[in-house]
Amino acid sequence: MHFSIPETEVRSGDNGSTYVIFTLTPAEVEQRREHLEKYMQAVRQDPLLGTSELFNCFLRKAQQETQQIPTEEVSLEVGLSNGQKVTVNILTSDQTEDVLETIYAGKRAREEFKVTIKTNG
């Protein structure tokens, strides 16, 4: 097995610490990305990790940071099967499950307090 270390660059941090930066060619960066993607797909197949809310939350946050996706509050209008429309306030980072829970909680509150919703038609 052959193992090579690419050229390195030594830098100093603001607090006086020293660290080493490994420089990669564009082809090496792409190869590393592909390997990391395959690894993450394999990890997601694990029954415990793949269904872990903590693990999935970590991955979502990492993706948002990497792609610099801002999290904003938005209003979402949802059409229900009975013809009613419900508007819920959610975050752009919310997952489908979170949105459905918000809709369900709002529906239960409306039923409990006998609030009506305007229907189309």
PDB file of N, CA and C in Angstrom:
ATOM      1  N   MET A   1       0.846  -1.175   0.000  1.00  0.00           N
ATOM      2  CA  MET A   1       0.000   0.000   0.000  1.00  0.00           C
ATOM      3  C   MET A   1       0.888   1.233   0.000  1.00  0.00           C
ATOM      4  N   HIS A   2       0.579   2.154  -0.873  1.00  0.00           N
ATOM      5  CA  HIS A   2       1.362   3.371  -0.983  1.00  0.00           C
ATOM      6  C   HIS A   2       0.606   4.520  -0.346  1.00  0.00           C
ATOM      7  N   PHE A   3       1.285   5.285   0.473  1.00  0.00           N
ATOM      8  CA  PHE A   3       0.660   6.416   1.134  1.00  0.00           C
ATOM      9  C   PHE A   3       1.556   7.621   0.957  1.00  0.00           C
ATOM     10  N   SER A   4       1.021   8.691   0.395  1.00  0.00           N
ATOM     11  CA  SER A   4       1.824   9.895   0.213  1.00  0.00           C
ATOM     12  C   SER A   4       1.160  11.068   0.905  1.00  0.00           C
ATOM     13  N   ILE A   5       1.983  11.899   1.475  1.00  0.00           N
ATOM     14  CA  ILE A   5       1.483  13.103   2.136  1.00  0.00           C
ATOM     15  C   ILE A   5       1.748  14.270   1.201  1.00  0.00           C
ATOM     16  N   PRO A   6       0.703  15.023   0.878  1.00  0.00           N
ATOM     17  CA  PRO A   6       0.912  16.159  -0.022  1.00  0.00           C
ATOM     18  C   PRO A   6       1.733  17.245   0.670  1.00  0.00           C
ATOM     19  N   GLU A   7       2.140  18.220  -0.107  1.00  0.00           N
ATOM     20  CA  GLU A   7       2.898  19.327   0.454  1.00  0.00           C
ATOM     21  C   GLU A   7       2.095  19.981   1.575  1.00  0.00           C
ATOM     22  N   THR A   8       2.816  20.516   2.542  1.00  0.00           N
ATOM     23  CA  THR A   8       2.156  21.145   3.672  1.00  0.00           C
ATOM     24  C   THR A   8       2.579  22.591   3.816  1.00  0.00           C
ATOM     25  N   GLU A   9       1.780  23.306   4.566  1.00  0.00           N
ATOM     26  CA  GLU A   9       2.065  24.701   4.860  1.00  0.00           C
ATOM     27  C   GLU A   9       1.855  24.877   6.361  1.00  0.00           C
ATOM     28  N   VAL A  10       2.832  25.468   7.036  1.00  0.00           N
ATOM     29  CA  VAL A  10       2.749  25.676   8.476  1.00  0.00           C
ATOM     30  C   VAL A  10       2.292  27.105   8.726  1.00  0.00           C
ATOM     31  N   ARG A  11       1.284  27.248   9.588  1.00  0.00           N
ATOM     32  CA  ARG A  11       0.756  28.577   9.933  1.00  0.00           C
ATOM     33  C   ARG A  11       0.679  28.728  11.435  1.00  0.00           C
ATOM     34  N   SER A  12       0.642  29.969  11.876  1.00  0.00           N
ATOM     35  CA  SER A  12       0.490  30.261  13.303  1.00  0.00           C
ATOM     36  C   SER A  12      -0.846  30.940  13.526  1.00  0.00           C
ATOM     37  N   GLY A  13      -1.512  30.522  14.611  1.00  0.00           N
ATOM     38  CA  GLY A  13      -2.793  31.110  14.959  1.00  0.00           C
ATOM     39  C   GLY A  13      -2.604  32.394  15.757  1.00  0.00           C
ATOM     40  N   ASP A  14      -3.701  33.117  15.974  1.00  0.00           N
ATOM     41  CA  ASP A  14      -3.660  34.368  16.734  1.00  0.00           C
ATOM     42  C   ASP A  14      -3.205  34.152  18.170  1.00  0.00           C
ATOM     43  N   ASN A  15      -3.485  32.972  18.704  1.00  0.00           N
ATOM     44  CA  ASN A  15      -3.128  32.690  20.090  1.00  0.00           C
ATOM     45  C   ASN A  15      -1.739  32.065  20.215  1.00  0.00           C
ATOM     46  N   GLY A  16      -0.959  32.058  19.137  1.00  0.00           N
ATOM     47  CA  GLY A  16       0.391  31.530  19.180  1.00  0.00           C
ATOM     48  C   GLY A  16       0.505  30.059  18.837  1.00  0.00           C
ATOM     49  N   SER A  17      -0.614  29.381  18.614  1.00  0.00           N
ATOM     50  CA  SER A  17      -0.560  27.962  18.272  1.00  0.00           C
ATOM     51  C   SER A  17      -0.109  27.792  16.822  1.00  0.00           C
ATOM     52  N   THR A  18       0.493  26.663  16.554  1.00  0.00           N
ATOM     53  CA  THR A  18       0.964  26.356  15.212  1.00  0.00           C
ATOM     54  C   THR A  18       0.158  25.191  14.665  1.00  0.00           C
ATOM     55  N   TYR A  19      -0.208  25.263  13.400  1.00  0.00           N
ATOM     56  CA  TYR A  19      -0.935  24.166  12.778  1.00  0.00           C
ATOM     57  C   TYR A  19      -0.456  23.973  11.351  1.00  0.00           C
ATOM     58  N   VAL A  20      -0.697  22.779  10.831  1.00  0.00           N
ATOM     59  CA  VAL A  20      -0.239  22.397   9.501  1.00  0.00           C
ATOM     60  C   VAL A  20      -1.427  22.310   8.557  1.00  0.00           C
ATOM     61  N   ILE A  21      -1.287  22.876   7.390  1.00  0.00           N
ATOM     62  CA  ILE A  21      -2.325  22.823   6.361  1.00  0.00           C
ATOM     63  C   ILE A  21      -1.819  21.934   5.233  1.00  0.00           C
ATOM     64  N   PHE A  22      -2.623  20.933   4.885  1.00  0.00           N
ATOM     65  CA  PHE A  22      -2.298  20.072   3.761  1.00  0.00           C
ATOM     66  C   PHE A  22      -2.963  20.646   2.527  1.00  0.00           C
ATOM     67  N   THR A  23      -2.169  20.946   1.523  1.00  0.00           N
ATOM     68  CA  THR A  23      -2.729  21.489   0.294  1.00  0.00           C
ATOM     69  C   THR A  23      -3.085  20.334  -0.638  1.00  0.00           C
ATOM     70  N   LEU A  24      -4.244  20.427  -1.267  1.00  0.00           N
ATOM     71  CA  LEU A  24      -4.720  19.384  -2.164  1.00  0.00           C
ATOM     72  C   LEU A  24      -4.957  19.963  -3.548  1.00  0.00           C
ATOM     73  N   THR A  25      -4.753  19.147  -4.543  1.00  0.00           N
ATOM     74  CA  THR A  25      -5.061  19.556  -5.906  1.00  0.00           C
ATOM     75  C   THR A  25      -6.577  19.474  -6.093  1.00  0.00           C
ATOM     76  N   PRO A  26      -7.130  20.119  -7.097  1.00  0.00           N
ATOM     77  CA  PRO A  26      -8.573  19.995  -7.339  1.00  0.00           C
ATOM     78  C   PRO A  26      -9.019  18.547  -7.506  1.00  0.00           C
ATOM     79  N   ALA A  27      -8.209  17.718  -8.153  1.00  0.00           N
ATOM     80  CA  ALA A  27      -8.566  16.304  -8.327  1.00  0.00           C
ATOM     81  C   ALA A  27      -8.587  15.588  -6.979  1.00  0.00           C
ATOM     82  N   GLU A  28      -7.650  15.913  -6.091  1.00  0.00           N
ATOM     83  CA  GLU A  28      -7.617  15.300  -4.763  1.00  0.00           C
ATOM     84  C   GLU A  28      -8.814  15.751  -3.924  1.00  0.00           C
ATOM     85  N   VAL A  29      -9.191  17.004  -4.065  1.00  0.00           N
ATOM     86  CA  VAL A  29     -10.362  17.513  -3.353  1.00  0.00           C
ATOM     87  C   VAL A  29     -11.617  16.776  -3.808  1.00  0.00           C
ATOM     88  N   GLU A  30     -11.768  16.586  -5.109  1.00  0.00           N
ATOM     89  CA  GLU A  30     -12.925  15.876  -5.652  1.00  0.00           C
ATOM     90  C   GLU A  30     -12.938  14.419  -5.194  1.00  0.00           C
ATOM     91  N   GLN A  31     -11.772  13.776  -5.191  1.00  0.00           N
ATOM     92  CA  GLN A  31     -11.685  12.393  -4.738  1.00  0.00           C
ATOM     93  C   GLN A  31     -12.044  12.293  -3.253  1.00  0.00           C
ATOM     94  N   ARG A  32     -11.574  13.239  -2.468  1.00  0.00           N
ATOM     95  CA  ARG A  32     -11.896  13.242  -1.036  1.00  0.00           C
ATOM     96  C   ARG A  32     -13.397  13.437  -0.826  1.00  0.00           C
ATOM     97  N   ARG A  33     -14.003  14.352  -1.599  1.00  0.00           N
ATOM     98  CA  ARG A  33     -15.440  14.586  -1.498  1.00  0.00           C
ATOM     99  C   ARG A  33     -16.222  13.327  -1.816  1.00  0.00           C
ATOM    100  N   GLU A  34     -15.821  12.626  -2.876  1.00  0.00           N
ATOM    101  CA  GLU A  34     -16.507  11.388  -3.271  1.00  0.00           C
ATOM    102  C   GLU A  34     -16.392  10.318  -2.181  1.00  0.00           C
ATOM    103  N   HIS A  35     -15.204  10.174  -1.604  1.00  0.00           N
ATOM    104  CA  HIS A  35     -15.012   9.188  -0.538  1.00  0.00           C
ATOM    105  C   HIS A  35     -15.825   9.545   0.703  1.00  0.00           C
ATOM    106  N   LEU A  36     -15.845  10.822   1.047  1.00  0.00           N
ATOM    107  CA  LEU A  36     -16.639  11.243   2.203  1.00  0.00           C
ATOM    108  C   LEU A  36     -18.128  11.009   1.962  1.00  0.00           C
ATOM    109  N   GLU A  37     -18.576  11.263   0.743  1.00  0.00           N
ATOM    110  CA  GLU A  37     -19.979  11.036   0.405  1.00  0.00           C
ATOM    111  C   GLU A  37     -20.341   9.558   0.535  1.00  0.00           C
ATOM    112  N   LYS A  38     -19.474   8.670   0.030  1.00  0.00           N
ATOM    113  CA  LYS A  38     -19.712   7.234   0.155  1.00  0.00           C
ATOM    114  C   LYS A  38     -19.720   6.806   1.620  1.00  0.00           C
ATOM    115  N   TYR A  39     -18.802   7.359   2.387  1.00  0.00           N
ATOM    116  CA  TYR A  39     -18.739   7.031   3.814  1.00  0.00           C
ATOM    117  C   TYR A  39     -20.022   7.465   4.521  1.00  0.00           C
ATOM    118  N   MET A  40     -20.487   8.676   4.235  1.00  0.00           N
ATOM    119  CA  MET A  40     -21.702   9.180   4.878  1.00  0.00           C
ATOM    120  C   MET A  40     -22.915   8.340   4.476  1.00  0.00           C
ATOM    121  N   GLN A  41     -22.967   7.888   3.233  1.00  0.00           N
ATOM    122  CA  GLN A  41     -24.061   7.016   2.805  1.00  0.00           C
ATOM    123  C   GLN A  41     -24.029   5.695   3.566  1.00  0.00           C
ATOM    124  N   ALA A  42     -22.837   5.167   3.789  1.00  0.00           N
ATOM    125  CA  ALA A  42     -22.705   3.922   4.553  1.00  0.00           C
ATOM    126  C   ALA A  42     -23.117   4.131   6.008  1.00  0.00           C
ATOM    127  N   VAL A  43     -22.723   5.248   6.582  1.00  0.00           N
ATOM    128  CA  VAL A  43     -23.079   5.543   7.972  1.00  0.00           C
ATOM    129  C   VAL A  43     -24.586   5.685   8.111  1.00  0.00           C
ATOM    130  N   ARG A  44     -25.223   6.338   7.148  1.00  0.00           N
ATOM    131  CA  ARG A  44     -26.678   6.534   7.195  1.00  0.00           C
ATOM    132  C   ARG A  44     -27.437   5.219   7.127  1.00  0.00           C
ATOM    133  N   GLN A  45     -26.800   4.159   6.619  1.00  0.00           N
ATOM    134  CA  GLN A  45     -27.450   2.854   6.524  1.00  0.00           C
ATOM    135  C   GLN A  45     -27.506   2.146   7.879  1.00  0.00           C
ATOM    136  N   ASP A  46     -26.696   2.603   8.819  1.00  0.00           N
ATOM    137  CA  ASP A  46     -26.718   2.002  10.152  1.00  0.00           C
ATOM    138  C   ASP A  46     -28.069   2.307  10.794  1.00  0.00           C
ATOM    139  N   PRO A  47     -28.779   1.276  11.296  1.00  0.00           N
ATOM    140  CA  PRO A  47     -30.121   1.500  11.840  1.00  0.00           C
ATOM    141  C   PRO A  47     -30.162   2.492  13.002  1.00  0.00           C
ATOM    142  N   LEU A  48     -29.145   2.500  13.834  1.00  0.00           N
ATOM    143  CA  LEU A  48     -29.150   3.424  14.975  1.00  0.00           C
ATOM    144  C   LEU A  48     -28.813   4.852  14.559  1.00  0.00           C
ATOM    145  N   LEU A  49     -27.768   5.000  13.753  1.00  0.00           N
ATOM    146  CA  LEU A  49     -27.371   6.347  13.340  1.00  0.00           C
ATOM    147  C   LEU A  49     -28.334   6.946  12.317  1.00  0.00           C
ATOM    148  N   GLY A  50     -28.792   6.131  11.388  1.00  0.00           N
ATOM    149  CA  GLY A  50     -29.671   6.631  10.336  1.00  0.00           C
ATOM    150  C   GLY A  50     -30.981   7.193  10.848  1.00  0.00           C
ATOM    151  N   THR A  51     -31.442   6.709  12.005  1.00  0.00           N
ATOM    152  CA  THR A  51     -32.703   7.195  12.572  1.00  0.00           C
ATOM    153  C   THR A  51     -32.492   8.117  13.763  1.00  0.00           C
ATOM    154  N   SER A  52     -31.248   8.432  14.069  1.00  0.00           N
ATOM    155  CA  SER A  52     -30.944   9.288  15.209  1.00  0.00           C
ATOM    156  C   SER A  52     -31.253  10.749  14.888  1.00  0.00           C
ATOM    157  N   GLU A  53     -32.132  11.350  15.677  1.00  0.00           N
ATOM    158  CA  GLU A  53     -32.479  12.764  15.472  1.00  0.00           C
ATOM    159  C   GLU A  53     -31.246  13.642  15.680  1.00  0.00           C
ATOM    160  N   LEU A  54     -30.428  13.309  16.673  1.00  0.00           N
ATOM    161  CA  LEU A  54     -29.216  14.086  16.953  1.00  0.00           C
ATOM    162  C   LEU A  54     -28.258  14.038  15.767  1.00  0.00           C
ATOM    163  N   PHE A  55     -28.040  12.848  15.222  1.00  0.00           N
ATOM    164  CA  PHE A  55     -27.137  12.685  14.083  1.00  0.00           C
ATOM    165  C   PHE A  55     -27.668  13.425  12.857  1.00  0.00           C
ATOM    166  N   ASN A  56     -28.954  13.268  12.565  1.00  0.00           N
ATOM    167  CA  ASN A  56     -29.545  13.935  11.407  1.00  0.00           C
ATOM    168  C   ASN A  56     -29.555  15.447  11.569  1.00  0.00           C
ATOM    169  N   CYS A  57     -29.774  15.920  12.779  1.00  0.00           N
ATOM    170  CA  CYS A  57     -29.725  17.368  13.047  1.00  0.00           C
ATOM    171  C   CYS A  57     -28.314  17.894  12.790  1.00  0.00           C
ATOM    172  N   PHE A  58     -27.310  17.137  13.244  1.00  0.00           N
ATOM    173  CA  PHE A  58     -25.919  17.517  12.993  1.00  0.00           C
ATOM    174  C   PHE A  58     -25.643  17.632  11.500  1.00  0.00           C
ATOM    175  N   LEU A  59     -26.103  16.651  10.743  1.00  0.00           N
ATOM    176  CA  LEU A  59     -25.876  16.672   9.294  1.00  0.00           C
ATOM    177  C   LEU A  59     -26.581  17.854   8.626  1.00  0.00           C
ATOM    178  N   ARG A  60     -27.823  18.145   9.046  1.00  0.00           N
ATOM    179  CA  ARG A  60     -28.554  19.290   8.476  1.00  0.00           C
ATOM    180  C   ARG A  60     -27.831  20.593   8.760  1.00  0.00           C
ATOM    181  N   LYS A  61     -27.377  20.763  10.013  1.00  0.00           N
ATOM    182  CA  LYS A  61     -26.667  21.994  10.384  1.00  0.00           C
ATOM    183  C   LYS A  61     -25.369  22.125   9.593  1.00  0.00           C
ATOM    184  N   ALA A  62     -24.656  21.013   9.442  1.00  0.00           N
ATOM    185  CA  ALA A  62     -23.404  21.041   8.677  1.00  0.00           C
ATOM    186  C   ALA A  62     -23.670  21.420   7.224  1.00  0.00           C
ATOM    187  N   GLN A  63     -24.741  20.869   6.653  1.00  0.00           N
ATOM    188  CA  GLN A  63     -25.087  21.187   5.274  1.00  0.00           C
ATOM    189  C   GLN A  63     -25.462  22.667   5.140  1.00  0.00           C
ATOM    190  N   GLN A  64     -26.226  23.179   6.090  1.00  0.00           N
ATOM    191  CA  GLN A  64     -26.616  24.586   6.045  1.00  0.00           C
ATOM    192  C   GLN A  64     -25.398  25.499   6.157  1.00  0.00           C
ATOM    193  N   GLU A  65     -24.463  25.148   7.042  1.00  0.00           N
ATOM    194  CA  GLU A  65     -23.258  25.957   7.191  1.00  0.00           C
ATOM    195  C   GLU A  65     -22.391  25.885   5.940  1.00  0.00           C
ATOM    196  N   THR A  66     -22.231  24.681   5.401  1.00  0.00           N
ATOM    197  CA  THR A  66     -21.397  24.496   4.225  1.00  0.00           C
ATOM    198  C   THR A  66     -21.960  25.255   3.030  1.00  0.00           C
ATOM    199  N   GLN A  67     -23.266  25.185   2.845  1.00  0.00           N
ATOM    200  CA  GLN A  67     -23.898  25.844   1.699  1.00  0.00           C
ATOM    201  C   GLN A  67     -24.337  27.256   2.038  1.00  0.00           C
ATOM    202  N   GLN A  68     -24.044  27.700   3.259  1.00  0.00           N
ATOM    203  CA  GLN A  68     -24.396  29.039   3.738  1.00  0.00           C
ATOM    204  C   GLN A  68     -25.868  29.349   3.497  1.00  0.00           C
ATOM    205  N   ILE A  69     -26.718  28.419   3.942  1.00  0.00           N
ATOM    206  CA  ILE A  69     -28.160  28.577   3.816  1.00  0.00           C
ATOM    207  C   ILE A  69     -28.677  29.291   5.053  1.00  0.00           C
ATOM    208  N   PRO A  70     -29.254  30.477   4.907  1.00  0.00           N
ATOM    209  CA  PRO A  70     -29.785  31.167   6.090  1.00  0.00           C
ATOM    210  C   PRO A  70     -31.088  30.520   6.554  1.00  0.00           C
ATOM    211  N   THR A  71     -31.282  30.500   7.863  1.00  0.00           N
ATOM    212  CA  THR A  71     -32.532  30.005   8.423  1.00  0.00           C
ATOM    213  C   THR A  71     -33.419  31.209   8.690  1.00  0.00           C
ATOM    214  N   GLU A  72     -34.601  31.189   8.094  1.00  0.00           N
ATOM    215  CA  GLU A  72     -35.542  32.300   8.241  1.00  0.00           C
ATOM    216  C   GLU A  72     -36.905  31.766   8.635  1.00  0.00           C
ATOM    217  N   GLU A  73     -37.690  32.613   9.285  1.00  0.00           N
ATOM    218  CA  GLU A  73     -39.067  32.241   9.570  1.00  0.00           C
ATOM    219  C   GLU A  73     -39.921  32.656   8.384  1.00  0.00           C
ATOM    220  N   VAL A  74     -40.768  31.731   7.933  1.00  0.00           N
ATOM    221  CA  VAL A  74     -41.644  31.989   6.792  1.00  0.00           C
ATOM    222  C   VAL A  74     -43.046  31.482   7.094  1.00  0.00           C
ATOM    223  N   SER A  75     -44.015  32.010   6.370  1.00  0.00           N
ATOM    224  CA  SER A  75     -45.385  31.516   6.470  1.00  0.00           C
ATOM    225  C   SER A  75     -45.617  30.553   5.320  1.00  0.00           C
ATOM    226  N   LEU A  76     -46.213  29.409   5.645  1.00  0.00           N
ATOM    227  CA  LEU A  76     -46.484  28.385   4.649  1.00  0.00           C
ATOM    228  C   LEU A  76     -47.980  28.118   4.631  1.00  0.00           C
ATOM    229  N   GLU A  77     -48.599  28.253   3.456  1.00  0.00           N
ATOM    230  CA  GLU A  77     -50.014  27.963   3.325  1.00  0.00           C
ATOM    231  C   GLU A  77     -50.165  26.522   2.843  1.00  0.00           C
ATOM    232  N   VAL A  78     -50.915  25.741   3.614  1.00  0.00           N
ATOM    233  CA  VAL A  78     -51.067  24.316   3.330  1.00  0.00           C
ATOM    234  C   VAL A  78     -52.525  24.027   3.012  1.00  0.00           C
ATOM    235  N   GLY A  79     -52.763  23.350   1.898  1.00  0.00           N
ATOM    236  CA  GLY A  79     -54.117  22.934   1.540  1.00  0.00           C
ATOM    237  C   GLY A  79     -54.406  21.567   2.132  1.00  0.00           C
ATOM    238  N   LEU A  80     -55.479  21.458   2.895  1.00  0.00           N
ATOM    239  CA  LEU A  80     -55.860  20.194   3.513  1.00  0.00           C
ATOM    240  C   LEU A  80     -56.794  19.422   2.591  1.00  0.00           C
ATOM    241  N   SER A  81     -56.936  18.138   2.842  1.00  0.00           N
ATOM    242  CA  SER A  81     -57.747  17.276   1.980  1.00  0.00           C
ATOM    243  C   SER A  81     -59.232  17.628   2.036  1.00  0.00           C
ATOM    244  N   ASN A  82     -59.677  18.334   3.084  1.00  0.00           N
ATOM    245  CA  ASN A  82     -61.081  18.707   3.204  1.00  0.00           C
ATOM    246  C   ASN A  82     -61.381  20.060   2.548  1.00  0.00           C
ATOM    247  N   GLY A  83     -60.410  20.602   1.826  1.00  0.00           N
ATOM    248  CA  GLY A  83     -60.613  21.866   1.132  1.00  0.00           C
ATOM    249  C   GLY A  83     -60.191  23.092   1.931  1.00  0.00           C
ATOM    250  N   GLN A  84     -59.897  22.917   3.192  1.00  0.00           N
ATOM    251  CA  GLN A  84     -59.473  24.043   4.019  1.00  0.00           C
ATOM    252  C   GLN A  84     -58.010  24.369   3.747  1.00  0.00           C
ATOM    253  N   LYS A  85     -57.648  25.612   4.048  1.00  0.00           N
ATOM    254  CA  LYS A  85     -56.261  26.037   3.948  1.00  0.00           C
ATOM    255  C   LYS A  85     -55.810  26.489   5.321  1.00  0.00           C
ATOM    256  N   VAL A  86     -54.614  26.103   5.670  1.00  0.00           N
ATOM    257  CA  VAL A  86     -54.034  26.465   6.960  1.00  0.00           C
ATOM    258  C   VAL A  86     -52.715  27.165   6.686  1.00  0.00           C
ATOM    259  N   THR A  87     -52.460  28.267   7.374  1.00  0.00           N
ATOM    260  CA  THR A  87     -51.178  28.952   7.282  1.00  0.00           C
ATOM    261  C   THR A  87     -50.420  28.707   8.572  1.00  0.00           C
ATOM    262  N   VAL A  88     -49.197  28.219   8.446  1.00  0.00           N
ATOM    263  CA  VAL A  88     -48.360  27.962   9.612  1.00  0.00           C
ATOM    264  C   VAL A  88     -47.046  28.715   9.459  1.00  0.00           C
ATOM    265  N   ASN A  89     -46.494  29.141  10.581  1.00  0.00           N
ATOM    266  CA  ASN A  89     -45.183  29.781  10.582  1.00  0.00           C
ATOM    267  C   ASN A  89     -44.138  28.716  10.894  1.00  0.00           C
ATOM    268  N   ILE A  90     -43.169  28.584   9.993  1.00  0.00           N
ATOM    269  CA  ILE A  90     -42.124  27.573  10.145  1.00  0.00           C
ATOM    270  C   ILE A  90     -40.775  28.211   9.845  1.00  0.00           C
ATOM    271  N   LEU A  91     -39.712  27.450  10.085  1.00  0.00           N
ATOM    272  CA  LEU A  91     -38.372  27.881   9.701  1.00  0.00           C
ATOM    273  C   LEU A  91     -38.010  27.218   8.373  1.00  0.00           C
ATOM    274  N   THR A  92     -37.227  27.906   7.574  1.00  0.00           N
ATOM    275  CA  THR A  92     -36.821  27.343   6.294  1.00  0.00           C
ATOM    276  C   THR A  92     -35.979  26.080   6.481  1.00  0.00           C
ATOM    277  N   SER A  93     -35.444  25.877   7.653  1.00  0.00           N
ATOM    278  CA  SER A  93     -34.641  24.680   7.936  1.00  0.00           C
ATOM    279  C   SER A  93     -35.468  23.525   8.486  1.00  0.00           C
ATOM    280  N   ASP A  94     -36.774  23.750   8.728  1.00  0.00           N
ATOM    281  CA  ASP A  94     -37.626  22.692   9.274  1.00  0.00           C
ATOM    282  C   ASP A  94     -37.748  21.532   8.293  1.00  0.00           C
ATOM    283  N   GLN A  95     -37.767  20.335   8.837  1.00  0.00           N
ATOM    284  CA  GLN A  95     -37.978  19.136   8.046  1.00  0.00           C
ATOM    285  C   GLN A  95     -39.477  18.892   7.902  1.00  0.00           C
ATOM    286  N   THR A  96     -39.861  18.049   6.975  1.00  0.00           N
ATOM    287  CA  THR A  96     -41.268  17.742   6.724  1.00  0.00           C
ATOM    288  C   THR A  96     -41.976  17.317   7.998  1.00  0.00           C
ATOM    289  N   GLU A  97     -41.322  16.478   8.793  1.00  0.00           N
ATOM    290  CA  GLU A  97     -41.918  16.005  10.043  1.00  0.00           C
ATOM    291  C   GLU A  97     -42.239  17.173  10.979  1.00  0.00           C
ATOM    292  N   ASP A  98     -41.331  18.155  11.050  1.00  0.00           N
ATOM    293  CA  ASP A  98     -41.562  19.325  11.902  1.00  0.00           C
ATOM    294  C   ASP A  98     -42.749  20.143  11.410  1.00  0.00           C
ATOM    295  N   VAL A  99     -42.850  20.298  10.093  1.00  0.00           N
ATOM    296  CA  VAL A  99     -43.961  21.060   9.511  1.00  0.00           C
ATOM    297  C   VAL A  99     -45.288  20.345   9.794  1.00  0.00           C
ATOM    298  N   LEU A 100     -45.315  19.036   9.615  1.00  0.00           N
ATOM    299  CA  LEU A 100     -46.540  18.274   9.873  1.00  0.00           C
ATOM    300  C   LEU A 100     -46.949  18.360  11.341  1.00  0.00           C
ATOM    301  N   GLU A 101     -45.979  18.313  12.245  1.00  0.00           N
ATOM    302  CA  GLU A 101     -46.288  18.452  13.671  1.00  0.00           C
ATOM    303  C   GLU A 101     -46.874  19.827  13.965  1.00  0.00           C
ATOM    304  N   THR A 102     -46.344  20.854  13.333  1.00  0.00           N
ATOM    305  CA  THR A 102     -46.863  22.216  13.520  1.00  0.00           C
ATOM    306  C   THR A 102     -48.294  22.312  13.020  1.00  0.00           C
ATOM    307  N   ILE A 103     -48.573  21.732  11.849  1.00  0.00           N
ATOM    308  CA  ILE A 103     -49.930  21.743  11.295  1.00  0.00           C
ATOM    309  C   ILE A 103     -50.877  20.988  12.222  1.00  0.00           C
ATOM    310  N   TYR A 104     -50.446  19.811  12.690  1.00  0.00           N
ATOM    311  CA  TYR A 104     -51.286  18.993  13.565  1.00  0.00           C
ATOM    312  C   TYR A 104     -51.572  19.727  14.882  1.00  0.00           C
ATOM    313  N   ALA A 105     -50.553  20.346  15.463  1.00  0.00           N
ATOM    314  CA  ALA A 105     -50.740  21.081  16.713  1.00  0.00           C
ATOM    315  C   ALA A 105     -51.717  22.236  16.516  1.00  0.00           C
ATOM    316  N   GLY A 106     -51.594  22.932  15.391  1.00  0.00           N
ATOM    317  CA  GLY A 106     -52.515  24.030  15.103  1.00  0.00           C
ATOM    318  C   GLY A 106     -53.932  23.533  14.890  1.00  0.00           C
ATOM    319  N   LYS A 107     -54.084  22.395  14.220  1.00  0.00           N
ATOM    320  CA  LYS A 107     -55.416  21.820  13.978  1.00  0.00           C
ATOM    321  C   LYS A 107     -56.059  21.424  15.306  1.00  0.00           C
ATOM    322  N   ARG A 108     -55.295  20.801  16.178  1.00  0.00           N
ATOM    323  CA  ARG A 108     -55.825  20.405  17.491  1.00  0.00           C
ATOM    324  C   ARG A 108     -56.242  21.623  18.303  1.00  0.00           C
ATOM    325  N   ALA A 109     -55.445  22.688  18.244  1.00  0.00           N
ATOM    326  CA  ALA A 109     -55.781  23.900  18.991  1.00  0.00           C
ATOM    327  C   ALA A 109     -57.067  24.521  18.455  1.00  0.00           C
ATOM    328  N   ARG A 110     -57.222  24.531  17.131  1.00  0.00           N
ATOM    329  CA  ARG A 110     -58.442  25.097  16.539  1.00  0.00           C
ATOM    330  C   ARG A 110     -59.657  24.288  16.940  1.00  0.00           C
ATOM    331  N   GLU A 111     -59.520  22.963  16.967  1.00  0.00           N
ATOM    332  CA  GLU A 111     -60.643  22.109  17.366  1.00  0.00           C
ATOM    333  C   GLU A 111     -60.987  22.321  18.838  1.00  0.00           C
ATOM    334  N   GLU A 112     -59.962  22.447  19.666  1.00  0.00           N
ATOM    335  CA  GLU A 112     -60.178  22.607  21.105  1.00  0.00           C
ATOM    336  C   GLU A 112     -60.868  23.936  21.413  1.00  0.00           C
ATOM    337  N   PHE A 113     -60.468  24.991  20.694  1.00  0.00           N
ATOM    338  CA  PHE A 113     -61.040  26.309  20.950  1.00  0.00           C
ATOM    339  C   PHE A 113     -62.128  26.678  19.939  1.00  0.00           C
ATOM    340  N   LYS A 114     -62.542  25.714  19.129  1.00  0.00           N
ATOM    341  CA  LYS A 114     -63.611  25.871  18.151  1.00  0.00           C
ATOM    342  C   LYS A 114     -63.380  27.063  17.218  1.00  0.00           C
ATOM    343  N   VAL A 115     -62.179  27.164  16.715  1.00  0.00           N
ATOM    344  CA  VAL A 115     -61.819  28.212  15.752  1.00  0.00           C
ATOM    345  C   VAL A 115     -62.145  27.678  14.372  1.00  0.00           C
ATOM    346  N   THR A 116     -62.735  28.487  13.524  1.00  0.00           N
ATOM    347  CA  THR A 116     -63.053  28.040  12.169  1.00  0.00           C
ATOM    348  C   THR A 116     -62.035  28.593  11.193  1.00  0.00           C
ATOM    349  N   ILE A 117     -61.907  27.882  10.093  1.00  0.00           N
ATOM    350  CA  ILE A 117     -60.999  28.280   9.023  1.00  0.00           C
ATOM    351  C   ILE A 117     -61.822  28.521   7.779  1.00  0.00           C
ATOM    352  N   LYS A 118     -61.494  29.593   7.075  1.00  0.00           N
ATOM    353  CA  LYS A 118     -62.197  29.912   5.845  1.00  0.00           C
ATOM    354  C   LYS A 118     -61.842  28.878   4.780  1.00  0.00           C
ATOM    355  N   THR A 119     -62.826  28.328   4.100  1.00  0.00           N
ATOM    356  CA  THR A 119     -62.589  27.334   3.047  1.00  0.00           C
ATOM    357  C   THR A 119     -62.664  27.996   1.685  1.00  0.00           C
ATOM    358  N   ASN A 120     -62.090  27.328   0.705  1.00  0.00           N
ATOM    359  CA  ASN A 120     -62.159  27.810  -0.683  1.00  0.00           C
ATOM    360  C   ASN A 120     -63.510  27.416  -1.269  1.00  0.00           C
ATOM    361  N   GLY A 121     -64.127  28.338  -1.959  1.00  0.00           N
ATOM    362  CA  GLY A 121     -65.344  27.954  -2.654  1.00  0.00           C
ATOM    363  C   GLY A 121     -66.548  28.611  -2.238  1.00  0.00           C
TER     364      GLY A 121
END
